[in-house]
Amino acid sequence: MLREERPTVAKDTVPVERVRMAKDQVTDEETVSEQVRKERIDVEGDDSGRR
């Protein structure tokens, strides 16, 4: 009976480092005073009953 050697390779996933995330919610208001050159309003739906 003949025998041979075969290598067995395995891969394990292990944690290396930990990362923590945090987010801050920021609300900001700003007043802008400039002239508007063009205003466009898009309306969806049926406007047959508006006249």
N, C-alpha and C. Protein backbone atom coordinates (compact mmCIF):
# COMPACT_ATOMS: atom_id res chain seq x y z
N MET A 1 0.84 -1.16 0.00
CA MET A 1 0.00 0.00 0.00
C MET A 1 0.90 1.24 0.00
N LEU A 2 0.62 2.16 -0.91
CA LEU A 2 1.39 3.40 -1.01
C LEU A 2 0.72 4.48 -0.17
N ARG A 3 1.52 5.36 0.39
CA ARG A 3 1.00 6.47 1.18
C ARG A 3 1.66 7.76 0.71
N GLU A 4 0.92 8.85 0.84
CA GLU A 4 1.49 10.15 0.50
C GLU A 4 1.09 11.15 1.58
N GLU A 5 1.85 12.21 1.67
CA GLU A 5 1.55 13.27 2.63
C GLU A 5 0.87 14.41 1.89
N ARG A 6 -0.21 14.93 2.47
CA ARG A 6 -0.93 16.07 1.90
C ARG A 6 -1.01 17.16 2.96
N PRO A 7 -0.65 18.38 2.58
CA PRO A 7 -0.72 19.47 3.56
C PRO A 7 -2.18 19.90 3.79
N THR A 8 -2.52 20.22 5.01
CA THR A 8 -3.84 20.72 5.36
C THR A 8 -3.69 22.16 5.83
N VAL A 9 -4.41 23.06 5.16
CA VAL A 9 -4.32 24.49 5.47
C VAL A 9 -5.71 24.97 5.88
N ALA A 10 -5.78 25.69 6.99
CA ALA A 10 -7.05 26.26 7.45
C ALA A 10 -6.84 27.74 7.75
N LYS A 11 -7.92 28.49 7.63
CA LYS A 11 -7.85 29.93 7.87
C LYS A 11 -8.90 30.29 8.92
N ASP A 12 -8.47 30.97 9.98
CA ASP A 12 -9.38 31.40 11.04
C ASP A 12 -9.47 32.92 11.03
N THR A 13 -10.68 33.44 11.22
CA THR A 13 -10.88 34.87 11.31
C THR A 13 -10.94 35.24 12.79
N VAL A 14 -10.03 36.09 13.19
CA VAL A 14 -9.98 36.53 14.58
C VAL A 14 -9.96 38.05 14.62
N PRO A 15 -10.63 38.67 15.62
CA PRO A 15 -10.60 40.14 15.70
C PRO A 15 -9.22 40.64 16.10
N VAL A 16 -8.77 41.67 15.42
CA VAL A 16 -7.45 42.23 15.68
C VAL A 16 -7.56 43.51 16.50
N GLU A 17 -8.58 44.32 16.18
CA GLU A 17 -8.77 45.57 16.89
C GLU A 17 -10.25 45.91 16.94
N ARG A 18 -10.61 46.81 17.79
CA ARG A 18 -12.00 47.26 17.90
C ARG A 18 -12.08 48.71 17.47
N VAL A 19 -13.16 49.03 16.79
CA VAL A 19 -13.38 50.40 16.32
C VAL A 19 -14.71 50.87 16.87
N ARG A 20 -14.74 52.03 17.45
CA ARG A 20 -15.98 52.62 17.95
C ARG A 20 -16.31 53.84 17.11
N MET A 21 -17.59 53.95 16.79
CA MET A 21 -18.05 55.09 16.00
C MET A 21 -19.13 55.82 16.78
N ALA A 22 -19.16 57.11 16.61
CA ALA A 22 -20.21 57.94 17.21
C ALA A 22 -20.55 59.04 16.21
N LYS A 23 -21.80 59.48 16.24
CA LYS A 23 -22.15 60.58 15.35
C LYS A 23 -22.89 61.64 16.15
N ASP A 24 -22.64 62.86 15.81
CA ASP A 24 -23.27 64.01 16.45
C ASP A 24 -24.26 64.62 15.48
N GLN A 25 -25.46 64.90 15.99
CA GLN A 25 -26.47 65.53 15.15
C GLN A 25 -26.39 67.04 15.34
N VAL A 26 -26.23 67.73 14.22
CA VAL A 26 -26.07 69.18 14.25
C VAL A 26 -27.18 69.81 13.42
N THR A 27 -27.88 70.76 14.01
CA THR A 27 -28.91 71.51 13.30
C THR A 27 -28.45 72.96 13.20
N ASP A 28 -28.51 73.49 11.99
CA ASP A 28 -28.01 74.84 11.77
C ASP A 28 -28.99 75.59 10.90
N GLU A 29 -29.20 76.85 11.20
CA GLU A 29 -30.05 77.71 10.39
C GLU A 29 -29.23 78.89 9.91
N GLU A 30 -29.51 79.29 8.66
CA GLU A 30 -28.77 80.40 8.08
C GLU A 30 -29.73 81.22 7.23
N THR A 31 -29.70 82.51 7.38
CA THR A 31 -30.55 83.41 6.59
C THR A 31 -29.75 83.91 5.40
N VAL A 32 -30.34 83.74 4.23
CA VAL A 32 -29.69 84.16 3.00
C VAL A 32 -30.58 85.20 2.34
N SER A 33 -30.03 86.33 2.01
CA SER A 33 -30.83 87.39 1.36
C SER A 33 -30.22 87.70 0.00
N GLU A 34 -30.78 87.11 -1.02
CA GLU A 34 -30.37 87.35 -2.40
C GLU A 34 -31.63 87.34 -3.25
N GLN A 35 -31.55 87.92 -4.42
CA GLN A 35 -32.69 87.93 -5.34
C GLN A 35 -32.78 86.59 -6.05
N VAL A 36 -34.03 86.14 -6.21
CA VAL A 36 -34.28 84.89 -6.92
C VAL A 36 -34.57 85.23 -8.37
N ARG A 37 -33.82 84.63 -9.28
CA ARG A 37 -34.01 84.92 -10.69
C ARG A 37 -35.18 84.15 -11.27
N LYS A 38 -35.42 82.94 -10.78
CA LYS A 38 -36.45 82.11 -11.37
C LYS A 38 -36.96 81.16 -10.29
N GLU A 39 -38.27 81.01 -10.23
CA GLU A 39 -38.86 80.08 -9.28
C GLU A 39 -39.68 79.07 -10.05
N ARG A 40 -39.47 77.81 -9.78
CA ARG A 40 -40.16 76.74 -10.50
C ARG A 40 -40.81 75.82 -9.49
N ILE A 41 -42.09 75.51 -9.70
CA ILE A 41 -42.82 74.64 -8.80
C ILE A 41 -43.31 73.45 -9.59
N ASP A 42 -42.95 72.26 -9.16
CA ASP A 42 -43.41 71.03 -9.77
C ASP A 42 -44.55 70.47 -8.92
N VAL A 43 -45.70 70.22 -9.58
CA VAL A 43 -46.88 69.70 -8.88
C VAL A 43 -47.20 68.34 -9.45
N GLU A 44 -47.43 67.38 -8.57
CA GLU A 44 -47.81 66.05 -9.00
C GLU A 44 -49.29 65.84 -8.74
N GLY A 45 -49.95 65.10 -9.59
CA GLY A 45 -51.36 64.76 -9.38
C GLY A 45 -52.26 65.44 -10.40
N ASP A 46 -53.56 65.25 -10.22
CA ASP A 46 -54.58 65.78 -11.13
C ASP A 46 -55.04 67.14 -10.63
N ASP A 47 -54.94 68.17 -11.49
CA ASP A 47 -55.37 69.52 -11.08
C ASP A 47 -56.65 69.94 -11.79
N SER A 48 -57.49 68.98 -12.23
CA SER A 48 -58.70 69.33 -12.97
C SER A 48 -59.76 69.98 -12.07
N GLY A 49 -59.77 69.75 -10.78
CA GLY A 49 -60.76 70.32 -9.89
C GLY A 49 -60.33 71.61 -9.25
N ARG A 50 -59.27 72.24 -9.69
CA ARG A 50 -58.75 73.46 -9.05
C ARG A 50 -59.20 74.72 -9.74
N ARG A 51 -59.98 74.69 -10.78
CA ARG A 51 -60.32 75.93 -11.51
C ARG A 51 -61.66 76.45 -11.15
